[in-house]
Amino acid sequence: MELKWLEDYLALVDLENFTAAAAARNLSQPAFSRRIQALEAWLGVELVDRSKKPFRFTAVAREHEVTLRNLLNTAYHVKSRIQSSEVDQTSLSVVAQHSLLVTPFLPQFLETLSSSIANLNYSLASENRDACVALFMKGGVDMMVIYETQSSPDVGASPLSVKIPLCSDEMILVCTPKIHQKLHEPIGSKTMPLLIYPSSSFFGALIGADALPRVLRSINANIACESAFSLGLKEMALASMGAAWVPRSIVANEIEAGRLVTLNEISPPMRMDVVAYVSIASKNPVVEEFIAMATLANQKAA
């Protein structure tokens, strides 16, 4: 059996037309038909009922369509894995805060790594900040990428790790223009709903230290929703369900388009640094290469 026979057959399933499927596979219709027949001969069953016009797929063909698709996918997956091992690829395990996966920072950072270190692939996990730290500290990953502020401790700092600053972001309060109008309503009118994080979370502690009390003192507001996920709070803010504190990086496009506005006058932006912690204890050769690259880059910046 040849894989191209499976590809031909699945093209026929998708297009439901011999002429169109043959054209999609760059074959003449007779040649295409012969390959479908070859697959049927190998399987020992008919897949296409040619006694009717237009043709129909047999019951056994319908029953095993997913199986045949999975067979083709598995074959190519195995081929890719075998070829990758021949190229002598190196792997890097990374854990990052959930919010960083929806910012441009982490994808750009990983792209830079991939372009700088030959034959690099990586496994990426996302967790809340505390879980990231716990996983990194017990040696479960080579690298951790998280947010930090001046008031937060260097949670990953130890003699066995290196801290590397990557970039900066801001936690800002945003809402739709519709919600923004509530700031100009008379005192005692309908309150402005706030969308916040649990106080036990990193973002919750950040806004709870000063920003949230400041807003509650300065305007007629109430807490409408509490969620640990900044992307969820962003979507609720876009739905005019309230004002939310979110990293500027994940709402920059919405602010530029006018779908969201910043409320800097009642909650000034709070700086956050995006940092990577790299485990020196890791025996991964990629780690040493990355530390050397980052050290050189920092020296040039200084």
C-alpha atoms as a PDB file:
ATOM      1  CA  MET A   1       0.000   0.000   0.000  1.00  0.00           C
ATOM      2  CA  GLU A   2       1.259   3.490  -0.869  1.00  0.00           C
ATOM      3  CA  LEU A   3       0.431   6.609   1.124  1.00  0.00           C
ATOM      4  CA  LYS A   4      -0.465   8.417  -2.091  1.00  0.00           C
ATOM      5  CA  TRP A   5      -3.400   6.021  -2.498  1.00  0.00           C
ATOM      6  CA  LEU A   6      -4.782   7.201   0.858  1.00  0.00           C
ATOM      7  CA  GLU A   7      -4.227  10.825  -0.137  1.00  0.00           C
ATOM      8  CA  ASP A   8      -6.092  10.228  -3.403  1.00  0.00           C
ATOM      9  CA  TYR A   9      -8.993   8.546  -1.648  1.00  0.00           C
ATOM     10  CA  LEU A  10      -9.340  11.276   0.998  1.00  0.00           C
ATOM     11  CA  ALA A  11      -9.273  13.901  -1.756  1.00  0.00           C
ATOM     12  CA  LEU A  12     -12.195  12.049  -3.311  1.00  0.00           C
ATOM     13  CA  VAL A  13     -14.000  12.003   0.042  1.00  0.00           C
ATOM     14  CA  ASP A  14     -13.506  15.740   0.452  1.00  0.00           C
ATOM     15  CA  LEU A  15     -14.465  16.750  -3.095  1.00  0.00           C
ATOM     16  CA  GLU A  16     -17.038  13.997  -3.823  1.00  0.00           C
ATOM     17  CA  ASN A  17     -16.188  14.155  -7.509  1.00  0.00           C
ATOM     18  CA  PHE A  18     -13.696  12.038  -9.465  1.00  0.00           C
ATOM     19  CA  THR A  19     -12.852  14.779 -11.967  1.00  0.00           C
ATOM     20  CA  ALA A  20     -12.261  17.440  -9.307  1.00  0.00           C
ATOM     21  CA  ALA A  21     -10.297  15.069  -7.084  1.00  0.00           C
ATOM     22  CA  ALA A  22      -8.095  13.939  -9.973  1.00  0.00           C
ATOM     23  CA  ALA A  23      -7.366  17.566 -10.872  1.00  0.00           C
ATOM     24  CA  ALA A  24      -6.548  18.371  -7.251  1.00  0.00           C
ATOM     25  CA  ARG A  25      -4.069  15.495  -7.200  1.00  0.00           C
ATOM     26  CA  ASN A  26      -2.583  16.483 -10.606  1.00  0.00           C
ATOM     27  CA  LEU A  27      -3.609  13.201 -12.200  1.00  0.00           C
ATOM     28  CA  SER A  28      -5.633  12.205 -15.211  1.00  0.00           C
ATOM     29  CA  GLN A  29      -8.996  10.756 -14.253  1.00  0.00           C
ATOM     30  CA  PRO A  30      -8.103   7.220 -15.482  1.00  0.00           C
ATOM     31  CA  ALA A  31      -4.857   7.242 -13.461  1.00  0.00           C
ATOM     32  CA  PHE A  32      -6.701   8.552 -10.418  1.00  0.00           C
ATOM     33  CA  SER A  33      -9.366   5.835 -10.722  1.00  0.00           C
ATOM     34  CA  ARG A  34      -6.696   3.134 -10.972  1.00  0.00           C
ATOM     35  CA  ARG A  35      -5.115   4.331  -7.709  1.00  0.00           C
ATOM     36  CA  ILE A  36      -8.485   4.243  -5.917  1.00  0.00           C
ATOM     37  CA  GLN A  37      -8.948   0.707  -7.224  1.00  0.00           C
ATOM     38  CA  ALA A  38      -5.450  -0.215  -6.034  1.00  0.00           C
ATOM     39  CA  LEU A  39      -6.334   0.949  -2.510  1.00  0.00           C
ATOM     40  CA  GLU A  40      -9.557  -1.068  -2.615  1.00  0.00           C
ATOM     41  CA  ALA A  41      -7.624  -4.138  -3.761  1.00  0.00           C
ATOM     42  CA  TRP A  42      -5.130  -3.743  -0.922  1.00  0.00           C
ATOM     43  CA  LEU A  43      -7.904  -3.355   1.655  1.00  0.00           C
ATOM     44  CA  GLY A  44      -9.940  -6.174   0.141  1.00  0.00           C
ATOM     45  CA  VAL A  45     -13.167  -4.134   0.204  1.00  0.00           C
ATOM     46  CA  GLU A  46     -15.004  -1.725  -2.051  1.00  0.00           C
ATOM     47  CA  LEU A  47     -14.917   1.899  -0.930  1.00  0.00           C
ATOM     48  CA  VAL A  48     -16.856   3.348  -3.857  1.00  0.00           C
ATOM     49  CA  ASP A  49     -20.153   2.071  -5.202  1.00  0.00           C
ATOM     50  CA  ARG A  50     -19.808   2.747  -8.951  1.00  0.00           C
ATOM     51  CA  SER A  51     -23.114   1.102  -9.879  1.00  0.00           C
ATOM     52  CA  LYS A  52     -24.998   4.321  -9.238  1.00  0.00           C
ATOM     53  CA  LYS A  53     -24.628   7.769 -10.759  1.00  0.00           C
ATOM     54  CA  PRO A  54     -23.498   9.851  -9.092  1.00  0.00           C
ATOM     55  CA  PHE A  55     -21.315   7.327  -7.275  1.00  0.00           C
ATOM     56  CA  ARG A  56     -21.731   6.704  -3.577  1.00  0.00           C
ATOM     57  CA  PHE A  57     -19.319   5.690  -0.847  1.00  0.00           C
ATOM     58  CA  THR A  58     -20.026   2.277   0.612  1.00  0.00           C
ATOM     59  CA  ALA A  59     -21.136   1.788   4.201  1.00  0.00           C
ATOM     60  CA  VAL A  60     -17.737   0.368   5.155  1.00  0.00           C
ATOM     61  CA  ALA A  61     -16.036   3.417   3.618  1.00  0.00           C
ATOM     62  CA  ARG A  62     -18.188   5.782   5.691  1.00  0.00           C
ATOM     63  CA  GLU A  63     -17.599   3.713   8.820  1.00  0.00           C
ATOM     64  CA  HIS A  64     -13.820   3.807   8.504  1.00  0.00           C
ATOM     65  CA  GLU A  65     -13.242   7.302   7.067  1.00  0.00           C
ATOM     66  CA  VAL A  66     -11.845   8.641  10.352  1.00  0.00           C
ATOM     67  CA  THR A  67      -9.629   5.566  10.723  1.00  0.00           C
ATOM     68  CA  LEU A  68      -8.122   6.112   7.272  1.00  0.00           C
ATOM     69  CA  ARG A  69      -7.523   9.800   8.000  1.00  0.00           C
ATOM     70  CA  ASN A  70      -5.833   8.929  11.269  1.00  0.00           C
ATOM     71  CA  LEU A  71      -3.703   6.295   9.529  1.00  0.00           C
ATOM     72  CA  LEU A  72      -2.404   8.878   7.055  1.00  0.00           C
ATOM     73  CA  ASN A  73      -1.782  11.469   9.781  1.00  0.00           C
ATOM     74  CA  THR A  74       0.025   8.930  11.958  1.00  0.00           C
ATOM     75  CA  ALA A  75       2.263   7.852   9.095  1.00  0.00           C
ATOM     76  CA  TYR A  76       3.380  11.402   8.382  1.00  0.00           C
ATOM     77  CA  HIS A  77       3.774  12.154  12.091  1.00  0.00           C
ATOM     78  CA  VAL A  78       6.087   9.156  12.503  1.00  0.00           C
ATOM     79  CA  LYS A  79       8.029  10.206   9.423  1.00  0.00           C
ATOM     80  CA  SER A  80       8.453  13.725  10.805  1.00  0.00           C
ATOM     81  CA  ARG A  81       9.604  12.459  14.213  1.00  0.00           C
ATOM     82  CA  ILE A  82      12.163  10.128  12.632  1.00  0.00           C
ATOM     83  CA  GLN A  83      13.493  12.868  10.359  1.00  0.00           C
ATOM     84  CA  SER A  84      13.716  15.270  13.309  1.00  0.00           C
ATOM     85  CA  SER A  85      15.849  12.831  15.267  1.00  0.00           C
ATOM     86  CA  GLU A  86      18.225  12.560  12.315  1.00  0.00           C
ATOM     87  CA  VAL A  87      18.674  16.345  12.280  1.00  0.00           C
ATOM     88  CA  ASP A  88      19.938  16.192  15.885  1.00  0.00           C
ATOM     89  CA  GLN A  89      17.397  18.668  17.227  1.00  0.00           C
ATOM     90  CA  THR A  90      17.626  20.102  20.725  1.00  0.00           C
ATOM     91  CA  SER A  91      14.626  20.766  22.926  1.00  0.00           C
ATOM     92  CA  LEU A  92      13.871  23.443  25.504  1.00  0.00           C
ATOM     93  CA  SER A  93      11.051  23.182  28.063  1.00  0.00           C
ATOM     94  CA  VAL A  94       9.376  26.488  28.978  1.00  0.00           C
ATOM     95  CA  VAL A  95       6.572  27.424  31.370  1.00  0.00           C
ATOM     96  CA  ALA A  96       4.925  30.849  31.160  1.00  0.00           C
ATOM     97  CA  GLN A  97       2.106  32.746  32.793  1.00  0.00           C
ATOM     98  CA  HIS A  98      -1.228  32.296  31.012  1.00  0.00           C
ATOM     99  CA  SER A  99      -1.452  36.005  30.123  1.00  0.00           C
ATOM    100  CA  LEU A 100       1.901  35.981  28.333  1.00  0.00           C
ATOM    101  CA  LEU A 101       0.606  33.501  25.768  1.00  0.00           C
ATOM    102  CA  VAL A 102      -1.779  36.141  24.388  1.00  0.00           C
ATOM    103  CA  THR A 103       0.798  38.934  24.288  1.00  0.00           C
ATOM    104  CA  PRO A 104       3.278  39.388  21.428  1.00  0.00           C
ATOM    105  CA  PHE A 105       6.203  39.075  23.862  1.00  0.00           C
ATOM    106  CA  LEU A 106       6.389  35.319  24.300  1.00  0.00           C
ATOM    107  CA  PRO A 107       5.914  34.335  20.625  1.00  0.00           C
ATOM    108  CA  GLN A 108       8.533  36.907  19.584  1.00  0.00           C
ATOM    109  CA  PHE A 109      10.914  35.668  22.259  1.00  0.00           C
ATOM    110  CA  LEU A 110      10.534  32.035  21.192  1.00  0.00           C
ATOM    111  CA  GLU A 111      10.930  33.014  17.535  1.00  0.00           C
ATOM    112  CA  THR A 112      14.186  34.790  18.395  1.00  0.00           C
ATOM    113  CA  LEU A 113      15.430  31.700  20.211  1.00  0.00           C
ATOM    114  CA  SER A 114      14.526  29.438  17.293  1.00  0.00           C
ATOM    115  CA  SER A 115      16.307  31.679  14.799  1.00  0.00           C
ATOM    116  CA  SER A 116      19.421  31.983  16.992  1.00  0.00           C
ATOM    117  CA  ILE A 117      19.855  28.385  18.123  1.00  0.00           C
ATOM    118  CA  ALA A 118      20.126  25.779  15.391  1.00  0.00           C
ATOM    119  CA  ASN A 119      17.603  22.924  15.240  1.00  0.00           C
ATOM    120  CA  LEU A 120      15.715  24.086  18.330  1.00  0.00           C
ATOM    121  CA  ASN A 121      12.256  22.920  19.224  1.00  0.00           C
ATOM    122  CA  TYR A 122      10.502  23.537  22.509  1.00  0.00           C
ATOM    123  CA  SER A 123       7.673  22.391  24.708  1.00  0.00           C
ATOM    124  CA  LEU A 124       5.539  25.163  26.178  1.00  0.00           C
ATOM    125  CA  ALA A 125       3.249  24.969  29.190  1.00  0.00           C
ATOM    126  CA  SER A 126       1.120  27.788  30.623  1.00  0.00           C
ATOM    127  CA  GLU A 127       0.110  28.086  34.268  1.00  0.00           C
ATOM    128  CA  ASN A 128      -0.825  30.728  36.800  1.00  0.00           C
ATOM    129  CA  ARG A 129       2.185  32.497  38.242  1.00  0.00           C
ATOM    130  CA  ASP A 130       2.428  30.478  41.456  1.00  0.00           C
ATOM    131  CA  ALA A 131       2.246  27.208  39.537  1.00  0.00           C
ATOM    132  CA  CYS A 132       4.950  28.457  37.130  1.00  0.00           C
ATOM    133  CA  VAL A 133       7.257  29.201  40.058  1.00  0.00           C
ATOM    134  CA  ALA A 134       6.571  25.865  41.735  1.00  0.00           C
ATOM    135  CA  LEU A 135       7.262  23.926  38.542  1.00  0.00           C
ATOM    136  CA  PHE A 136      10.479  25.850  37.869  1.00  0.00           C
ATOM    137  CA  MET A 137      11.789  25.584  41.429  1.00  0.00           C
ATOM    138  CA  LYS A 138      11.410  21.807  41.482  1.00  0.00           C
ATOM    139  CA  GLY A 139      13.322  21.507  38.186  1.00  0.00           C
ATOM    140  CA  GLY A 140      10.363  20.579  36.026  1.00  0.00           C
ATOM    141  CA  VAL A 141      11.348  22.951  33.175  1.00  0.00           C
ATOM    142  CA  ASP A 142      14.457  24.609  31.783  1.00  0.00           C
ATOM    143  CA  MET A 143      12.994  28.120  31.658  1.00  0.00           C
ATOM    144  CA  MET A 144      10.219  30.197  33.227  1.00  0.00           C
ATOM    145  CA  VAL A 145       8.793  33.426  31.745  1.00  0.00           C
ATOM    146  CA  ILE A 146       6.678  35.547  34.108  1.00  0.00           C
ATOM    147  CA  TYR A 147       5.666  39.083  35.027  1.00  0.00           C
ATOM    148  CA  GLU A 148       7.385  40.886  37.889  1.00  0.00           C
ATOM    149  CA  THR A 149       6.980  44.298  39.530  1.00  0.00           C
ATOM    150  CA  GLN A 150       9.217  46.335  41.819  1.00  0.00           C
ATOM    151  CA  SER A 151       7.177  45.188  44.804  1.00  0.00           C
ATOM    152  CA  SER A 152       7.226  41.497  43.885  1.00  0.00           C
ATOM    153  CA  PRO A 153      10.185  39.374  45.023  1.00  0.00           C
ATOM    154  CA  ASP A 154      12.523  37.594  42.638  1.00  0.00           C
ATOM    155  CA  VAL A 155      10.616  34.376  43.139  1.00  0.00           C
ATOM    156  CA  GLY A 156      12.818  32.335  40.869  1.00  0.00           C
ATOM    157  CA  ALA A 157      16.115  33.726  42.113  1.00  0.00           C
ATOM    158  CA  SER A 158      18.533  31.142  43.466  1.00  0.00           C
ATOM    159  CA  PRO A 159      22.191  30.158  43.028  1.00  0.00           C
ATOM    160  CA  LEU A 160      20.955  27.661  40.431  1.00  0.00           C
ATOM    161  CA  SER A 161      19.113  30.103  38.164  1.00  0.00           C
ATOM    162  CA  VAL A 162      19.789  33.188  36.106  1.00  0.00           C
ATOM    163  CA  LYS A 163      17.296  36.046  35.736  1.00  0.00           C
ATOM    164  CA  ILE A 164      17.157  37.690  32.314  1.00  0.00           C
ATOM    165  CA  PRO A 165      14.988  40.808  31.700  1.00  0.00           C
ATOM    166  CA  LEU A 166      13.100  40.593  28.405  1.00  0.00           C
ATOM    167  CA  CYS A 167      10.833  43.641  28.109  1.00  0.00           C
ATOM    168  CA  SER A 168       8.265  45.710  29.998  1.00  0.00           C
ATOM    169  CA  ASP A 169       4.484  45.972  29.990  1.00  0.00           C
ATOM    170  CA  GLU A 170       1.839  47.902  31.936  1.00  0.00           C
ATOM    171  CA  MET A 171      -1.278  46.970  33.849  1.00  0.00           C
ATOM    172  CA  ILE A 172      -3.963  49.461  32.811  1.00  0.00           C
ATOM    173  CA  LEU A 173      -7.659  50.024  33.477  1.00  0.00           C
ATOM    174  CA  VAL A 174      -9.759  49.972  30.298  1.00  0.00           C
ATOM    175  CA  CYS A 175     -13.402  50.031  29.297  1.00  0.00           C
ATOM    176  CA  THR A 176     -15.578  50.725  26.276  1.00  0.00           C
ATOM    177  CA  PRO A 177     -16.549  54.318  25.413  1.00  0.00           C
ATOM    178  CA  LYS A 178     -20.075  53.394  26.542  1.00  0.00           C
ATOM    179  CA  ILE A 179     -18.887  52.484  30.050  1.00  0.00           C
ATOM    180  CA  HIS A 180     -16.531  55.470  30.087  1.00  0.00           C
ATOM    181  CA  GLN A 181     -19.537  57.796  29.935  1.00  0.00           C
ATOM    182  CA  LYS A 182     -20.523  56.653  33.430  1.00  0.00           C
ATOM    183  CA  LEU A 183     -17.590  58.642  34.815  1.00  0.00           C
ATOM    184  CA  HIS A 184     -19.468  61.811  33.852  1.00  0.00           C
ATOM    185  CA  GLU A 185     -22.820  60.809  35.319  1.00  0.00           C
ATOM    186  CA  PRO A 186     -23.981  62.537  38.523  1.00  0.00           C
ATOM    187  CA  ILE A 187     -23.058  60.995  41.862  1.00  0.00           C
ATOM    188  CA  GLY A 188     -25.748  58.552  42.934  1.00  0.00           C
ATOM    189  CA  SER A 189     -26.570  57.432  39.414  1.00  0.00           C
ATOM    190  CA  LYS A 190     -25.894  53.921  38.145  1.00  0.00           C
ATOM    191  CA  THR A 191     -22.436  52.746  39.275  1.00  0.00           C
ATOM    192  CA  MET A 192     -19.493  51.728  37.075  1.00  0.00           C
ATOM    193  CA  PRO A 193     -18.985  47.937  37.245  1.00  0.00           C
ATOM    194  CA  LEU A 194     -15.415  46.716  37.807  1.00  0.00           C
ATOM    195  CA  LEU A 195     -13.950  43.438  36.550  1.00  0.00           C
ATOM    196  CA  ILE A 196     -11.137  42.313  38.830  1.00  0.00           C
ATOM    197  CA  TYR A 197      -8.793  39.428  39.698  1.00  0.00           C
ATOM    198  CA  PRO A 198      -8.935  37.306  42.868  1.00  0.00           C
ATOM    199  CA  SER A 199      -6.906  38.952  45.631  1.00  0.00           C
ATOM    200  CA  SER A 200      -4.849  35.755  45.980  1.00  0.00           C
ATOM    201  CA  SER A 201      -3.539  36.024  42.399  1.00  0.00           C
ATOM    202  CA  PHE A 202      -0.483  38.000  41.256  1.00  0.00           C
ATOM    203  CA  PHE A 203      -2.559  40.504  39.265  1.00  0.00           C
ATOM    204  CA  GLY A 204      -5.118  40.682  42.087  1.00  0.00           C
ATOM    205  CA  ALA A 205      -2.434  41.592  44.607  1.00  0.00           C
ATOM    206  CA  LEU A 206      -1.000  44.157  42.211  1.00  0.00           C
ATOM    207  CA  ILE A 207      -4.252  46.084  41.708  1.00  0.00           C
ATOM    208  CA  GLY A 208      -5.408  45.478  45.284  1.00  0.00           C
ATOM    209  CA  ALA A 209      -2.394  47.211  46.794  1.00  0.00           C
ATOM    210  CA  ASP A 210      -3.389  50.673  45.557  1.00  0.00           C
ATOM    211  CA  ALA A 211      -5.289  50.822  42.247  1.00  0.00           C
ATOM    212  CA  LEU A 212      -8.543  49.160  43.323  1.00  0.00           C
ATOM    213  CA  PRO A 213      -8.911  51.103  46.614  1.00  0.00           C
ATOM    214  CA  ARG A 214      -8.094  54.343  44.743  1.00  0.00           C
ATOM    215  CA  VAL A 215     -10.828  53.731  42.143  1.00  0.00           C
ATOM    216  CA  LEU A 216     -13.408  52.723  44.747  1.00  0.00           C
ATOM    217  CA  ARG A 217     -12.693  55.959  46.638  1.00  0.00           C
ATOM    218  CA  SER A 218     -12.739  58.241  43.612  1.00  0.00           C
ATOM    219  CA  ILE A 219     -15.797  57.104  41.625  1.00  0.00           C
ATOM    220  CA  ASN A 220     -19.162  55.462  42.130  1.00  0.00           C
ATOM    221  CA  ALA A 221     -18.117  51.876  41.334  1.00  0.00           C
ATOM    222  CA  ASN A 222     -18.887  48.327  42.336  1.00  0.00           C
ATOM    223  CA  ILE A 223     -17.166  44.975  41.775  1.00  0.00           C
ATOM    224  CA  ALA A 224     -19.222  43.133  39.161  1.00  0.00           C
ATOM    225  CA  CYS A 225     -17.014  40.140  38.366  1.00  0.00           C
ATOM    226  CA  GLU A 226     -13.898  38.389  39.608  1.00  0.00           C
ATOM    227  CA  SER A 227     -11.824  36.160  37.333  1.00  0.00           C
ATOM    228  CA  ALA A 228      -8.237  34.932  37.272  1.00  0.00           C
ATOM    229  CA  PHE A 229      -7.979  35.121  33.468  1.00  0.00           C
ATOM    230  CA  SER A 230      -7.027  38.451  31.916  1.00  0.00           C
ATOM    231  CA  LEU A 231      -8.182  37.380  28.440  1.00  0.00           C
ATOM    232  CA  GLY A 232     -11.636  36.643  29.843  1.00  0.00           C
ATOM    233  CA  LEU A 233     -11.750  40.033  31.566  1.00  0.00           C
ATOM    234  CA  LYS A 234     -10.724  41.683  28.307  1.00  0.00           C
ATOM    235  CA  GLU A 235     -13.612  40.039  26.454  1.00  0.00           C
ATOM    236  CA  MET A 236     -16.063  41.063  29.181  1.00  0.00           C
ATOM    237  CA  ALA A 237     -14.776  44.632  28.997  1.00  0.00           C
ATOM    238  CA  LEU A 238     -15.281  44.598  25.219  1.00  0.00           C
ATOM    239  CA  ALA A 239     -18.861  43.463  25.843  1.00  0.00           C
ATOM    240  CA  SER A 240     -19.383  46.583  28.011  1.00  0.00           C
ATOM    241  CA  MET A 241     -19.784  44.494  31.140  1.00  0.00           C
ATOM    242  CA  GLY A 242     -17.425  46.766  33.068  1.00  0.00           C
ATOM    243  CA  ALA A 243     -13.956  48.260  33.359  1.00  0.00           C
ATOM    244  CA  ALA A 244     -11.068  45.804  33.665  1.00  0.00           C
ATOM    245  CA  TRP A 245      -7.396  45.934  34.548  1.00  0.00           C
ATOM    246  CA  VAL A 246      -5.443  44.101  31.854  1.00  0.00           C
ATOM    247  CA  PRO A 247      -1.882  44.120  30.493  1.00  0.00           C
ATOM    248  CA  ARG A 248      -1.587  46.851  27.853  1.00  0.00           C
ATOM    249  CA  SER A 249      -0.003  44.374  25.420  1.00  0.00           C
ATOM    250  CA  ILE A 250      -3.201  42.342  25.049  1.00  0.00           C
ATOM    251  CA  VAL A 251      -5.476  45.344  24.392  1.00  0.00           C
ATOM    252  CA  ALA A 252      -3.179  47.576  22.310  1.00  0.00           C
ATOM    253  CA  ASN A 253      -5.081  46.872  19.078  1.00  0.00           C
ATOM    254  CA  GLU A 254      -8.466  47.498  20.700  1.00  0.00           C
ATOM    255  CA  ILE A 255      -7.265  50.804  22.146  1.00  0.00           C
ATOM    256  CA  GLU A 256      -5.888  51.910  18.785  1.00  0.00           C
ATOM    257  CA  ALA A 257      -9.193  51.004  17.109  1.00  0.00           C
ATOM    258  CA  GLY A 258     -11.187  52.953  19.709  1.00  0.00           C
ATOM    259  CA  ARG A 259     -13.037  49.896  20.970  1.00  0.00           C
ATOM    260  CA  LEU A 260     -11.497  50.388  24.395  1.00  0.00           C
ATOM    261  CA  VAL A 261     -10.300  53.513  26.187  1.00  0.00           C
ATOM    262  CA  THR A 262      -7.836  53.824  29.065  1.00  0.00           C
ATOM    263  CA  LEU A 263      -8.864  55.247  32.435  1.00  0.00           C
ATOM    264  CA  ASN A 264      -5.450  56.595  33.384  1.00  0.00           C
ATOM    265  CA  GLU A 265      -7.026  59.550  35.169  1.00  0.00           C
ATOM    266  CA  ILE A 266      -8.415  57.319  37.914  1.00  0.00           C
ATOM    267  CA  SER A 267      -5.915  54.446  37.735  1.00  0.00           C
ATOM    268  CA  PRO A 268      -2.396  55.301  36.485  1.00  0.00           C
ATOM    269  CA  PRO A 269      -0.559  52.562  34.549  1.00  0.00           C
ATOM    270  CA  MET A 270       1.459  50.131  36.663  1.00  0.00           C
ATOM    271  CA  ARG A 271       4.752  48.950  35.199  1.00  0.00           C
ATOM    272  CA  MET A 272       5.379  45.222  34.929  1.00  0.00           C
ATOM    273  CA  ASP A 273       8.570  43.581  33.711  1.00  0.00           C
ATOM    274  CA  VAL A 274       8.606  40.407  31.643  1.00  0.00           C
ATOM    275  CA  VAL A 275      11.532  38.288  32.816  1.00  0.00           C
ATOM    276  CA  ALA A 276      12.926  34.859  32.075  1.00  0.00           C
ATOM    277  CA  TYR A 277      14.468  32.622  34.691  1.00  0.00           C
ATOM    278  CA  VAL A 278      16.831  29.980  33.331  1.00  0.00           C
ATOM    279  CA  SER A 279      17.863  26.931  35.345  1.00  0.00           C
ATOM    280  CA  ILE A 280      21.618  26.507  35.591  1.00  0.00           C
ATOM    281  CA  ALA A 281      20.979  23.095  37.140  1.00  0.00           C
ATOM    282  CA  SER A 282      19.509  21.952  33.833  1.00  0.00           C
ATOM    283  CA  LYS A 283      21.888  19.797  31.839  1.00  0.00           C
ATOM    284  CA  ASN A 284      20.314  20.998  28.602  1.00  0.00           C
ATOM    285  CA  PRO A 285      23.085  22.444  26.351  1.00  0.00           C
ATOM    286  CA  VAL A 286      20.571  24.956  24.966  1.00  0.00           C
ATOM    287  CA  VAL A 287      20.430  26.637  28.388  1.00  0.00           C
ATOM    288  CA  GLU A 288      24.144  27.471  28.388  1.00  0.00           C
ATOM    289  CA  GLU A 289      23.894  28.816  24.848  1.00  0.00           C
ATOM    290  CA  PHE A 290      20.920  30.987  25.733  1.00  0.00           C
ATOM    291  CA  ILE A 291      22.573  32.389  28.883  1.00  0.00           C
ATOM    292  CA  ALA A 292      25.661  33.310  26.841  1.00  0.00           C
ATOM    293  CA  MET A 293      23.481  35.041  24.213  1.00  0.00           C
ATOM    294  CA  ALA A 294      21.503  36.964  26.847  1.00  0.00           C
ATOM    295  CA  THR A 295      24.657  38.039  28.717  1.00  0.00           C
ATOM    296  CA  LEU A 296      26.181  39.386  25.492  1.00  0.00           C
ATOM    297  CA  ALA A 297      22.975  41.236  24.612  1.00  0.00           C
ATOM    298  CA  ASN A 298      22.807  42.848  28.064  1.00  0.00           C
ATOM    299  CA  GLN A 299      26.439  43.931  27.826  1.00  0.00           C
ATOM    300  CA  LYS A 300      25.766  45.601  24.461  1.00  0.00           C
ATOM    301  CA  ALA A 301      22.663  47.330  25.864  1.00  0.00           C
ATOM    302  CA  ALA A 302      24.667  48.676  28.809  1.00  0.00           C
END
